[in-house]
Structures are given as structure tokens and as C-alpha cells.
PDB file of N, CA and C in Angstrom:
ATOM      1  N   SER A   1       4.229 -26.899  18.886  1.00  0.00           N
ATOM      2  CA  SER A   1       3.372 -26.957  20.055  1.00  0.00           C
ATOM      3  C   SER A   1       2.547 -25.666  20.211  1.00  0.00           C
ATOM      4  N   TRP A   2       2.988 -24.572  19.630  1.00  0.00           N
ATOM      5  CA  TRP A   2       2.266 -23.307  19.760  1.00  0.00           C
ATOM      6  C   TRP A   2       0.954 -23.296  18.993  1.00  0.00           C
ATOM      7  N   GLN A   3       0.785 -24.191  18.018  1.00  0.00           N
ATOM      8  CA  GLN A   3      -0.423 -24.193  17.199  1.00  0.00           C
ATOM      9  C   GLN A   3      -1.674 -24.557  17.981  1.00  0.00           C
ATOM     10  N   GLY A   4      -1.562 -25.322  19.036  1.00  0.00           N
ATOM     11  CA  GLY A   4      -2.719 -25.720  19.830  1.00  0.00           C
ATOM     12  C   GLY A   4      -3.063 -24.709  20.912  1.00  0.00           C
ATOM     13  N   GLU A   5      -2.211 -23.728  21.131  1.00  0.00           N
ATOM     14  CA  GLU A   5      -2.424 -22.748  22.205  1.00  0.00           C
ATOM     15  C   GLU A   5      -3.290 -21.583  21.720  1.00  0.00           C
ATOM     16  N   PRO A   6      -4.129 -21.036  22.606  1.00  0.00           N
ATOM     17  CA  PRO A   6      -4.910 -19.858  22.209  1.00  0.00           C
ATOM     18  C   PRO A   6      -3.980 -18.658  22.005  1.00  0.00           C
ATOM     19  N   MET A   7      -4.188 -17.957  20.910  1.00  0.00           N
ATOM     20  CA  MET A   7      -3.344 -16.811  20.578  1.00  0.00           C
ATOM     21  C   MET A   7      -4.223 -15.576  20.397  1.00  0.00           C
ATOM     22  N   PRO A   8      -3.677 -14.403  20.698  1.00  0.00           N
ATOM     23  CA  PRO A   8      -4.452 -13.187  20.468  1.00  0.00           C
ATOM     24  C   PRO A   8      -4.627 -12.946  18.970  1.00  0.00           C
ATOM     25  N   ILE A   9      -5.718 -12.282  18.618  1.00  0.00           N
ATOM     26  CA  ILE A   9      -5.979 -11.957  17.223  1.00  0.00           C
ATOM     27  C   ILE A   9      -5.080 -10.800  16.817  1.00  0.00           C
ATOM     28  N   LEU A  10      -4.413 -10.947  15.692  1.00  0.00           N
ATOM     29  CA  LEU A  10      -3.532  -9.910  15.163  1.00  0.00           C
ATOM     30  C   LEU A  10      -4.348  -8.997  14.259  1.00  0.00           C
ATOM     31  N   ARG A  11      -4.339  -7.702  14.561  1.00  0.00           N
ATOM     32  CA  ARG A  11      -5.042  -6.722  13.735  1.00  0.00           C
ATOM     33  C   ARG A  11      -4.033  -5.680  13.262  1.00  0.00           C
ATOM     34  N   PHE A  12      -4.171  -5.275  12.007  1.00  0.00           N
ATOM     35  CA  PHE A  12      -3.275  -4.260  11.454  1.00  0.00           C
ATOM     36  C   PHE A  12      -3.981  -3.514  10.337  1.00  0.00           C
ATOM     37  N   ARG A  13      -3.410  -2.374   9.963  1.00  0.00           N
ATOM     38  CA  ARG A  13      -3.906  -1.592   8.840  1.00  0.00           C
ATOM     39  C   ARG A  13      -2.771  -1.495   7.823  1.00  0.00           C
ATOM     40  N   CYS A  14      -3.146  -1.358   6.559  1.00  0.00           N
ATOM     41  CA  CYS A  14      -2.147  -1.335   5.498  1.00  0.00           C
ATOM     42  C   CYS A  14      -2.468  -0.236   4.495  1.00  0.00           C
ATOM     43  N   GLY A  15      -1.466   0.557   4.126  1.00  0.00           N
ATOM     44  CA  GLY A  15      -1.595   1.564   3.077  1.00  0.00           C
ATOM     45  C   GLY A  15      -0.646   1.216   1.950  1.00  0.00           C
ATOM     46  N   ILE A  16      -1.157   1.098   0.739  1.00  0.00           N
ATOM     47  CA  ILE A  16      -0.340   0.681  -0.402  1.00  0.00           C
ATOM     48  C   ILE A  16      -0.344   1.781  -1.460  1.00  0.00           C
ATOM     49  N   ASN A  17       0.837   2.175  -1.880  1.00  0.00           N
ATOM     50  CA  ASN A  17       0.992   3.173  -2.929  1.00  0.00           C
ATOM     51  C   ASN A  17       2.034   2.670  -3.915  1.00  0.00           C
ATOM     52  N   THR A  18       1.844   2.980  -5.174  1.00  0.00           N
ATOM     53  CA  THR A  18       2.790   2.594  -6.212  1.00  0.00           C
ATOM     54  C   THR A  18       3.522   3.835  -6.690  1.00  0.00           C
ATOM     55  N   ALA A  19       4.852   3.828  -6.548  1.00  0.00           N
ATOM     56  CA  ALA A  19       5.675   4.975  -6.953  1.00  0.00           C
ATOM     57  C   ALA A  19       7.132   4.545  -7.015  1.00  0.00           C
ATOM     58  N   ARG A  20       7.940   5.372  -7.646  1.00  0.00           N
ATOM     59  CA  ARG A  20       9.385   5.130  -7.653  1.00  0.00           C
ATOM     60  C   ARG A  20       9.969   5.659  -6.355  1.00  0.00           C
ATOM     61  N   VAL A  21      10.772   4.819  -5.703  1.00  0.00           N
ATOM     62  CA  VAL A  21      11.416   5.193  -4.448  1.00  0.00           C
ATOM     63  C   VAL A  21      12.862   4.710  -4.465  1.00  0.00           C
ATOM     64  N   MET A  22      13.627   5.154  -3.486  1.00  0.00           N
ATOM     65  CA  MET A  22      15.007   4.668  -3.341  1.00  0.00           C
ATOM     66  C   MET A  22      15.040   3.715  -2.148  1.00  0.00           C
ATOM     67  N   VAL A  23      15.634   2.534  -2.370  1.00  0.00           N
ATOM     68  CA  VAL A  23      15.706   1.513  -1.345  1.00  0.00           C
ATOM     69  C   VAL A  23      17.156   1.075  -1.211  1.00  0.00           C
ATOM     70  N   GLY A  24      17.627   0.954   0.022  1.00  0.00           N
ATOM     71  CA  GLY A  24      18.982   0.447   0.204  1.00  0.00           C
ATOM     72  C   GLY A  24      19.611   0.913   1.493  1.00  0.00           C
ATOM     73  N   ASN A  25      20.915   0.698   1.582  1.00  0.00           N
ATOM     74  CA  ASN A  25      21.686   1.123   2.739  1.00  0.00           C
ATOM     75  C   ASN A  25      22.088   2.582   2.563  1.00  0.00           C
ATOM     76  N   PHE A  26      21.683   3.414   3.514  1.00  0.00           N
ATOM     77  CA  PHE A  26      22.005   4.836   3.470  1.00  0.00           C
ATOM     78  C   PHE A  26      22.760   5.206   4.738  1.00  0.00           C
ATOM     79  N   GLY A  27      23.693   6.119   4.596  1.00  0.00           N
ATOM     80  CA  GLY A  27      24.440   6.589   5.754  1.00  0.00           C
ATOM     81  C   GLY A  27      25.914   6.711   5.435  1.00  0.00           C
ATOM     82  N   CYS A  28      26.700   6.607   6.482  1.00  0.00           N
ATOM     83  CA  CYS A  28      28.152   6.711   6.340  1.00  0.00           C
ATOM     84  C   CYS A  28      28.817   5.507   6.999  1.00  0.00           C
ATOM     85  N   ASP A  29      30.140   5.496   7.073  1.00  0.00           N
ATOM     86  CA  ASP A  29      30.877   4.342   7.585  1.00  0.00           C
ATOM     87  C   ASP A  29      30.488   3.955   9.012  1.00  0.00           C
ATOM     88  N   TYR A  30      30.231   4.925   9.864  1.00  0.00           N
ATOM     89  CA  TYR A  30      29.962   4.603  11.267  1.00  0.00           C
ATOM     90  C   TYR A  30      28.464   4.527  11.609  1.00  0.00           C
ATOM     91  N   ARG A  31      27.612   4.936  10.704  1.00  0.00           N
ATOM     92  CA  ARG A  31      26.170   4.796  10.954  1.00  0.00           C
ATOM     93  C   ARG A  31      25.462   4.581   9.617  1.00  0.00           C
ATOM     94  N   ILE A  32      24.906   3.386   9.458  1.00  0.00           N
ATOM     95  CA  ILE A  32      24.252   3.037   8.201  1.00  0.00           C
ATOM     96  C   ILE A  32      22.940   2.313   8.512  1.00  0.00           C
ATOM     97  N   SER A  33      21.945   2.527   7.707  1.00  0.00           N
ATOM     98  CA  SER A  33      20.687   1.802   7.911  1.00  0.00           C
ATOM     99  C   SER A  33      20.051   1.496   6.563  1.00  0.00           C
ATOM    100  N   TYR A  34      19.335   0.397   6.541  1.00  0.00           N
ATOM    101  CA  TYR A  34      18.602  -0.014   5.356  1.00  0.00           C
ATOM    102  C   TYR A  34      17.232   0.644   5.446  1.00  0.00           C
ATOM    103  N   THR A  35      16.861   1.411   4.456  1.00  0.00           N
ATOM    104  CA  THR A  35      15.611   2.156   4.515  1.00  0.00           C
ATOM    105  C   THR A  35      15.035   2.405   3.128  1.00  0.00           C
ATOM    106  N   VAL A  36      13.872   3.016   3.106  1.00  0.00           N
ATOM    107  CA  VAL A  36      13.199   3.394   1.870  1.00  0.00           C
ATOM    108  C   VAL A  36      12.952   4.894   1.938  1.00  0.00           C
ATOM    109  N   LEU A  37      13.290   5.601   0.866  1.00  0.00           N
ATOM    110  CA  LEU A  37      13.129   7.054   0.822  1.00  0.00           C
ATOM    111  C   LEU A  37      12.306   7.461  -0.385  1.00  0.00           C
ATOM    112  N   GLY A  38      11.512   8.496  -0.219  1.00  0.00           N
ATOM    113  CA  GLY A  38      10.781   9.045  -1.357  1.00  0.00           C
ATOM    114  C   GLY A  38       9.375   9.473  -0.999  1.00  0.00           C
ATOM    115  N   ASP A  39       8.812  10.310  -1.851  1.00  0.00           N
ATOM    116  CA  ASP A  39       7.469  10.817  -1.658  1.00  0.00           C
ATOM    117  C   ASP A  39       6.443   9.686  -1.642  1.00  0.00           C
ATOM    118  N   GLY A  40       6.679   8.653  -2.427  1.00  0.00           N
ATOM    119  CA  GLY A  40       5.761   7.516  -2.486  1.00  0.00           C
ATOM    120  C   GLY A  40       5.630   6.779  -1.166  1.00  0.00           C
ATOM    121  N   VAL A  41       6.713   6.698  -0.395  1.00  0.00           N
ATOM    122  CA  VAL A  41       6.693   6.047   0.909  1.00  0.00           C
ATOM    123  C   VAL A  41       5.892   6.900   1.889  1.00  0.00           C
ATOM    124  N   ASN A  42       6.099   8.209   1.844  1.00  0.00           N
ATOM    125  CA  ASN A  42       5.364   9.110   2.720  1.00  0.00           C
ATOM    126  C   ASN A  42       3.867   9.034   2.429  1.00  0.00           C
ATOM    127  N   LEU A  43       3.509   8.972   1.154  1.00  0.00           N
ATOM    128  CA  LEU A  43       2.100   8.875   0.790  1.00  0.00           C
ATOM    129  C   LEU A  43       1.496   7.565   1.291  1.00  0.00           C
ATOM    130  N   ALA A  44       2.214   6.469   1.163  1.00  0.00           N
ATOM    131  CA  ALA A  44       1.720   5.177   1.662  1.00  0.00           C
ATOM    132  C   ALA A  44       1.478   5.238   3.167  1.00  0.00           C
ATOM    133  N   SER A  45       2.345   5.925   3.885  1.00  0.00           N
ATOM    134  CA  SER A  45       2.187   6.088   5.326  1.00  0.00           C
ATOM    135  C   SER A  45       0.932   6.889   5.652  1.00  0.00           C
ATOM    136  N   ARG A  46       0.686   7.961   4.904  1.00  0.00           N
ATOM    137  CA  ARG A  46      -0.516   8.777   5.122  1.00  0.00           C
ATOM    138  C   ARG A  46      -1.774   7.978   4.796  1.00  0.00           C
ATOM    139  N   ILE A  47      -1.696   7.159   3.747  1.00  0.00           N
ATOM    140  CA  ILE A  47      -2.836   6.319   3.363  1.00  0.00           C
ATOM    141  C   ILE A  47      -3.114   5.294   4.457  1.00  0.00           C
ATOM    142  N   GLU A  48      -2.057   4.709   4.997  1.00  0.00           N
ATOM    143  CA  GLU A  48      -2.227   3.736   6.084  1.00  0.00           C
ATOM    144  C   GLU A  48      -2.901   4.389   7.283  1.00  0.00           C
ATOM    145  N   ALA A  49      -2.493   5.598   7.628  1.00  0.00           N
ATOM    146  CA  ALA A  49      -3.082   6.299   8.770  1.00  0.00           C
ATOM    147  C   ALA A  49      -4.561   6.621   8.537  1.00  0.00           C
ATOM    148  N   ALA A  50      -4.957   6.840   7.289  1.00  0.00           N
ATOM    149  CA  ALA A  50      -6.349   7.162   6.962  1.00  0.00           C
ATOM    150  C   ALA A  50      -7.285   5.980   7.211  1.00  0.00           C
ATOM    151  N   ASN A  51      -6.747   4.770   7.270  1.00  0.00           N
ATOM    152  CA  ASN A  51      -7.569   3.594   7.546  1.00  0.00           C
ATOM    153  C   ASN A  51      -8.356   3.755   8.842  1.00  0.00           C
ATOM    154  N   LYS A  52      -7.736   4.328   9.849  1.00  0.00           N
ATOM    155  CA  LYS A  52      -8.390   4.466  11.151  1.00  0.00           C
ATOM    156  C   LYS A  52      -9.623   5.362  11.038  1.00  0.00           C
ATOM    157  N   THR A  53      -9.473   6.503  10.380  1.00  0.00           N
ATOM    158  CA  THR A  53     -10.579   7.437  10.213  1.00  0.00           C
ATOM    159  C   THR A  53     -11.680   6.847   9.339  1.00  0.00           C
ATOM    160  N   LEU A  54     -11.281   6.177   8.260  1.00  0.00           N
ATOM    161  CA  LEU A  54     -12.248   5.621   7.313  1.00  0.00           C
ATOM    162  C   LEU A  54     -12.799   4.264   7.742  1.00  0.00           C
ATOM    163  N   ARG A  55     -12.271   3.724   8.854  1.00  0.00           N
ATOM    164  CA  ARG A  55     -12.688   2.416   9.383  1.00  0.00           C
ATOM    165  C   ARG A  55     -12.510   1.306   8.350  1.00  0.00           C
ATOM    166  N   THR A  56     -11.333   1.337   7.726  1.00  0.00           N
ATOM    167  CA  THR A  56     -10.971   0.315   6.750  1.00  0.00           C
ATOM    168  C   THR A  56      -9.714  -0.398   7.234  1.00  0.00           C
ATOM    169  N   VAL A  57      -9.342  -1.458   6.558  1.00  0.00           N
ATOM    170  CA  VAL A  57      -8.147  -2.218   6.923  1.00  0.00           C
ATOM    171  C   VAL A  57      -7.048  -2.029   5.892  1.00  0.00           C
ATOM    172  N   VAL A  58      -7.415  -2.067   4.606  1.00  0.00           N
ATOM    173  CA  VAL A  58      -6.444  -1.905   3.527  1.00  0.00           C
ATOM    174  C   VAL A  58      -6.944  -0.804   2.597  1.00  0.00           C
ATOM    175  N   LEU A  59      -6.085   0.191   2.353  1.00  0.00           N
ATOM    176  CA  LEU A  59      -6.378   1.245   1.381  1.00  0.00           C
ATOM    177  C   LEU A  59      -5.275   1.262   0.347  1.00  0.00           C
ATOM    178  N   VAL A  60      -5.632   1.457  -0.902  1.00  0.00           N
ATOM    179  CA  VAL A  60      -4.637   1.584  -1.963  1.00  0.00           C
ATOM    180  C   VAL A  60      -4.826   2.925  -2.654  1.00  0.00           C
ATOM    181  N   SER A  61      -3.733   3.467  -3.159  1.00  0.00           N
ATOM    182  CA  SER A  61      -3.794   4.729  -3.896  1.00  0.00           C
ATOM    183  C   SER A  61      -4.324   4.481  -5.298  1.00  0.00           C
ATOM    184  N   GLU A  62      -4.683   5.570  -5.953  1.00  0.00           N
ATOM    185  CA  GLU A  62      -5.179   5.454  -7.323  1.00  0.00           C
ATOM    186  C   GLU A  62      -4.102   4.878  -8.244  1.00  0.00           C
ATOM    187  N   SER A  63      -2.838   5.219  -8.002  1.00  0.00           N
ATOM    188  CA  SER A  63      -1.770   4.689  -8.854  1.00  0.00           C
ATOM    189  C   SER A  63      -1.650   3.169  -8.707  1.00  0.00           C
ATOM    190  N   THR A  64      -1.855   2.655  -7.505  1.00  0.00           N
ATOM    191  CA  THR A  64      -1.828   1.206  -7.297  1.00  0.00           C
ATOM    192  C   THR A  64      -3.031   0.549  -7.965  1.00  0.00           C
ATOM    193  N   PHE A  65      -4.199   1.169  -7.817  1.00  0.00           N
ATOM    194  CA  PHE A  65      -5.406   0.649  -8.464  1.00  0.00           C
ATOM    195  C   PHE A  65      -5.223   0.573  -9.976  1.00  0.00           C
ATOM    196  N   GLU A  66      -4.713   1.662 -10.574  1.00  0.00           N
ATOM    197  CA  GLU A  66      -4.511   1.683 -12.025  1.00  0.00           C
ATOM    198  C   GLU A  66      -3.516   0.622 -12.460  1.00  0.00           C
ATOM    199  N   GLY A  67      -2.451   0.432 -11.697  1.00  0.00           N
ATOM    200  CA  GLY A  67      -1.472  -0.597 -12.039  1.00  0.00           C
ATOM    201  C   GLY A  67      -2.022  -2.003 -11.916  1.00  0.00           C
ATOM    202  N   ALA A  68      -2.894  -2.219 -10.947  1.00  0.00           N
ATOM    203  CA  ALA A  68      -3.453  -3.553 -10.727  1.00  0.00           C
ATOM    204  C   ALA A  68      -4.546  -3.900 -11.719  1.00  0.00           C
ATOM    205  N   THR A  69      -5.224  -2.888 -12.234  1.00  0.00           N
ATOM    206  CA  THR A  69      -6.357  -3.164 -13.117  1.00  0.00           C
ATOM    207  C   THR A  69      -6.036  -2.970 -14.588  1.00  0.00           C
ATOM    208  N   THR A  70      -4.826  -2.528 -14.904  1.00  0.00           N
ATOM    209  CA  THR A  70      -4.436  -2.369 -16.296  1.00  0.00           C
ATOM    210  C   THR A  70      -4.165  -3.746 -16.889  1.00  0.00           C
ATOM    211  N   THR A  71      -4.852  -4.051 -17.967  1.00  0.00           N
ATOM    212  CA  THR A  71      -4.623  -5.337 -18.633  1.00  0.00           C
ATOM    213  C   THR A  71      -4.282  -5.083 -20.086  1.00  0.00           C
ATOM    214  N   SER A  72      -3.565  -5.985 -20.654  1.00  0.00           N
ATOM    215  CA  SER A  72      -3.220  -5.881 -22.070  1.00  0.00           C
ATOM    216  C   SER A  72      -4.134  -6.796 -22.865  1.00  0.00           C
ATOM    217  N   SER A  73      -4.022  -6.726 -24.154  1.00  0.00           N
ATOM    218  CA  SER A  73      -4.850  -7.591 -25.000  1.00  0.00           C
ATOM    219  C   SER A  73      -4.157  -8.922 -25.273  1.00  0.00           C
ATOM    220  N   SER A  74      -3.098  -9.206 -24.504  1.00  0.00           N
ATOM    221  CA  SER A  74      -2.379 -10.464 -24.703  1.00  0.00           C
ATOM    222  C   SER A  74      -3.239 -11.652 -24.296  1.00  0.00           C
ATOM    223  N   PRO A  75      -3.157 -12.752 -25.036  1.00  0.00           N
ATOM    224  CA  PRO A  75      -3.900 -13.946 -24.650  1.00  0.00           C
ATOM    225  C   PRO A  75      -3.437 -14.434 -23.282  1.00  0.00           C
ATOM    226  N   GLY A  76      -4.371 -14.854 -22.470  1.00  0.00           N
ATOM    227  CA  GLY A  76      -4.027 -15.384 -21.154  1.00  0.00           C
ATOM    228  C   GLY A  76      -3.896 -14.314 -20.086  1.00  0.00           C
ATOM    229  N   GLU A  77      -4.015 -13.048 -20.439  1.00  0.00           N
ATOM    230  CA  GLU A  77      -3.929 -11.971 -19.454  1.00  0.00           C
ATOM    231  C   GLU A  77      -5.164 -12.030 -18.551  1.00  0.00           C
ATOM    232  N   GLN A  78      -4.955 -11.931 -17.232  1.00  0.00           N
ATOM    233  CA  GLN A  78      -6.058 -12.068 -16.294  1.00  0.00           C
ATOM    234  C   GLN A  78      -6.283 -10.786 -15.508  1.00  0.00           C
ATOM    235  N   ASP A  79      -7.476 -10.673 -14.938  1.00  0.00           N
ATOM    236  CA  ASP A  79      -7.758  -9.590 -14.009  1.00  0.00           C
ATOM    237  C   ASP A  79      -6.923  -9.831 -12.757  1.00  0.00           C
ATOM    238  N   PRO A  80      -6.685  -8.759 -11.955  1.00  0.00           N
ATOM    239  CA  PRO A  80      -5.870  -8.941 -10.748  1.00  0.00           C
ATOM    240  C   PRO A  80      -6.512  -9.933  -9.788  1.00  0.00           C
ATOM    241  N   CYS A  81      -5.705 -10.841  -9.253  1.00  0.00           N
ATOM    242  CA  CYS A  81      -6.216 -11.813  -8.296  1.00  0.00           C
ATOM    243  C   CYS A  81      -5.109 -12.218  -7.336  1.00  0.00           C
ATOM    244  N   VAL A  82      -5.522 -12.760  -6.206  1.00  0.00           N
ATOM    245  CA  VAL A  82      -4.601 -13.295  -5.209  1.00  0.00           C
ATOM    246  C   VAL A  82      -5.054 -14.710  -4.908  1.00  0.00           C
ATOM    247  N   GLY A  83      -4.183 -15.669  -5.073  1.00  0.00           N
ATOM    248  CA  GLY A  83      -4.537 -17.058  -4.821  1.00  0.00           C
ATOM    249  C   GLY A  83      -5.699 -17.536  -5.662  1.00  0.00           C
ATOM    250  N   GLY A  84      -5.832 -16.984  -6.865  1.00  0.00           N
ATOM    251  CA  GLY A  84      -6.908 -17.381  -7.752  1.00  0.00           C
ATOM    252  C   GLY A  84      -8.216 -16.646  -7.520  1.00  0.00           C
ATOM    253  N   GLU A  85      -8.289 -15.870  -6.442  1.00  0.00           N
ATOM    254  CA  GLU A  85      -9.506 -15.109  -6.141  1.00  0.00           C
ATOM    255  C   GLU A  85      -9.346 -13.678  -6.652  1.00  0.00           C
ATOM    256  N   PRO A  86     -10.373 -13.140  -7.330  1.00  0.00           N
ATOM    257  CA  PRO A  86     -10.266 -11.773  -7.851  1.00  0.00           C
ATOM    258  C   PRO A  86     -10.196 -10.737  -6.727  1.00  0.00           C
ATOM    259  N   ILE A  87      -9.483  -9.658  -6.987  1.00  0.00           N
ATOM    260  CA  ILE A  87      -9.399  -8.547  -6.048  1.00  0.00           C
ATOM    261  C   ILE A  87     -10.519  -7.574  -6.392  1.00  0.00           C
ATOM    262  N   GLU A  88     -11.296  -7.208  -5.404  1.00  0.00           N
ATOM    263  CA  GLU A  88     -12.368  -6.250  -5.624  1.00  0.00           C
ATOM    264  C   GLU A  88     -11.943  -4.902  -5.062  1.00  0.00           C
ATOM    265  N   PHE A  89     -12.123  -3.852  -5.848  1.00  0.00           N
ATOM    266  CA  PHE A  89     -11.791  -2.499  -5.426  1.00  0.00           C
ATOM    267  C   PHE A  89     -13.071  -1.674  -5.347  1.00  0.00           C
ATOM    268  N   ARG A  90     -13.093  -0.722  -4.440  1.00  0.00           N
ATOM    269  CA  ARG A  90     -14.152   0.282  -4.410  1.00  0.00           C
ATOM    270  C   ARG A  90     -13.539   1.601  -3.986  1.00  0.00           C
ATOM    271  N   LYS A  91     -14.027   2.672  -4.569  1.00  0.00           N
ATOM    272  CA  LYS A  91     -13.519   3.998  -4.234  1.00  0.00           C
ATOM    273  C   LYS A  91     -14.104   4.400  -2.885  1.00  0.00           C
ATOM    274  N   VAL A  92     -13.227   4.764  -1.950  1.00  0.00           N
ATOM    275  CA  VAL A  92     -13.652   5.116  -0.603  1.00  0.00           C
ATOM    276  C   VAL A  92     -13.759   6.625  -0.443  1.00  0.00           C
ATOM    277  N   GLY A  93     -12.809   7.350  -1.032  1.00  0.00           N
ATOM    278  CA  GLY A  93     -12.838   8.800  -0.891  1.00  0.00           C
ATOM    279  C   GLY A  93     -11.582   9.449  -1.415  1.00  0.00           C
ATOM    280  N   ARG A  94     -11.428  10.710  -1.029  1.00  0.00           N
ATOM    281  CA  ARG A  94     -10.260  11.484  -1.446  1.00  0.00           C
ATOM    282  C   ARG A  94      -9.607  12.057  -0.200  1.00  0.00           C
ATOM    283  N   LEU A  95      -8.272  12.009  -0.173  1.00  0.00           N
ATOM    284  CA  LEU A  95      -7.521  12.485   0.978  1.00  0.00           C
ATOM    285  C   LEU A  95      -6.756  13.755   0.635  1.00  0.00           C
ATOM    286  N   ALA A  96      -6.825  14.723   1.514  1.00  0.00           N
ATOM    287  CA  ALA A  96      -5.963  15.898   1.412  1.00  0.00           C
ATOM    288  C   ALA A  96      -4.698  15.553   2.201  1.00  0.00           C
ATOM    289  N   VAL A  97      -3.592  15.414   1.508  1.00  0.00           N
ATOM    290  CA  VAL A  97      -2.347  14.989   2.132  1.00  0.00           C
ATOM    291  C   VAL A  97      -1.464  16.205   2.368  1.00  0.00           C
ATOM    292  N   PRO A  98      -1.031  16.433   3.614  1.00  0.00           N
ATOM    293  CA  PRO A  98      -0.143  17.564   3.886  1.00  0.00           C
ATOM    294  C   PRO A  98       1.120  17.506   3.019  1.00  0.00           C
ATOM    295  N   GLY A  99       1.484  18.635   2.436  1.00  0.00           N
ATOM    296  CA  GLY A  99       2.668  18.702   1.603  1.00  0.00           C
ATOM    297  C   GLY A  99       2.423  18.401   0.134  1.00  0.00           C
ATOM    298  N   LYS A 100       1.197  17.996  -0.207  1.00  0.00           N
ATOM    299  CA  LYS A 100       0.863  17.723  -1.602  1.00  0.00           C
ATOM    300  C   LYS A 100      -0.224  18.688  -2.037  1.00  0.00           C
ATOM    301  N   ALA A 101      -0.087  19.208  -3.244  1.00  0.00           N
ATOM    302  CA  ALA A 101      -1.055  20.176  -3.769  1.00  0.00           C
ATOM    303  C   ALA A 101      -2.356  19.499  -4.204  1.00  0.00           C
ATOM    304  N   GLU A 102      -2.267  18.252  -4.637  1.00  0.00           N
ATOM    305  CA  GLU A 102      -3.431  17.537  -5.156  1.00  0.00           C
ATOM    306  C   GLU A 102      -3.988  16.589  -4.106  1.00  0.00           C
ATOM    307  N   VAL A 103      -5.300  16.372  -4.154  1.00  0.00           N
ATOM    308  CA  VAL A 103      -5.898  15.356  -3.281  1.00  0.00           C
ATOM    309  C   VAL A 103      -5.627  13.984  -3.879  1.00  0.00           C
ATOM    310  N   VAL A 104      -5.650  12.966  -3.037  1.00  0.00           N
ATOM    311  CA  VAL A 104      -5.341  11.613  -3.451  1.00  0.00           C
ATOM    312  C   VAL A 104      -6.600  10.763  -3.329  1.00  0.00           C
ATOM    313  N   THR A 105      -6.954  10.053  -4.392  1.00  0.00           N
ATOM    314  CA  THR A 105      -8.112   9.161  -4.370  1.00  0.00           C
ATOM    315  C   THR A 105      -7.686   7.808  -3.836  1.00  0.00           C
ATOM    316  N   VAL A 106      -8.460   7.280  -2.869  1.00  0.00           N
ATOM    317  CA  VAL A 106      -8.177   5.951  -2.307  1.00  0.00           C
ATOM    318  C   VAL A 106      -9.410   5.081  -2.438  1.00  0.00           C
TER     319      VAL A 106
END
């Protein structure tokens, strides 16, 4: 019945980074939580926050871009796509991330 009712528009921003991280239950016997730890998670958070300044909705790091666009010479290998539609990337800029010596291309 909710499908016929007017609903507010959902808006969000997304920051995507590709890196090795630790995922799982962390803590001790009396306090435990499922979480993600690592520099890659922190970078994704900083990238997500940059969406507001750059007036974008989805930003990906250079490592994610390289992983998505790397193709092999195998037969049947395709360019990155979602639901059969190709993903288009464009370089937006470079971010100076606190705690990192290098700037990050998004």
C-alpha cells in the first residue's frame, strides 16, 4: 500500500575507495561490534565528504577507477558496466587528505 503514497525524495552522497581493510567483529567479551577498520575506509569517508564541496553525488578514488577499467585480453572481457549500461568516469580533481602525504585523484 505504500507504493501509491507520495514519498520524500532520498538524496545521498557516496565515496568509493578500493583498498585492503579488516572487516569483522572487534572487541572483547562484554563489548563487541561489527565494523570495518583501515586507512582505505578513512579515505572513502573523506572522498564521500568531498562530494558536498565538489557538488557531486558519487566520487571514486583512483584505485577504484583503475580496478574498474582494467581489462584483460581474455575473450568476452567487457568494459565496466552496471545493468548492461557502461560506467562513465571523469576526473574531477585532486584532494589533499589530512594524514596522507600524497594527494588523491578522484
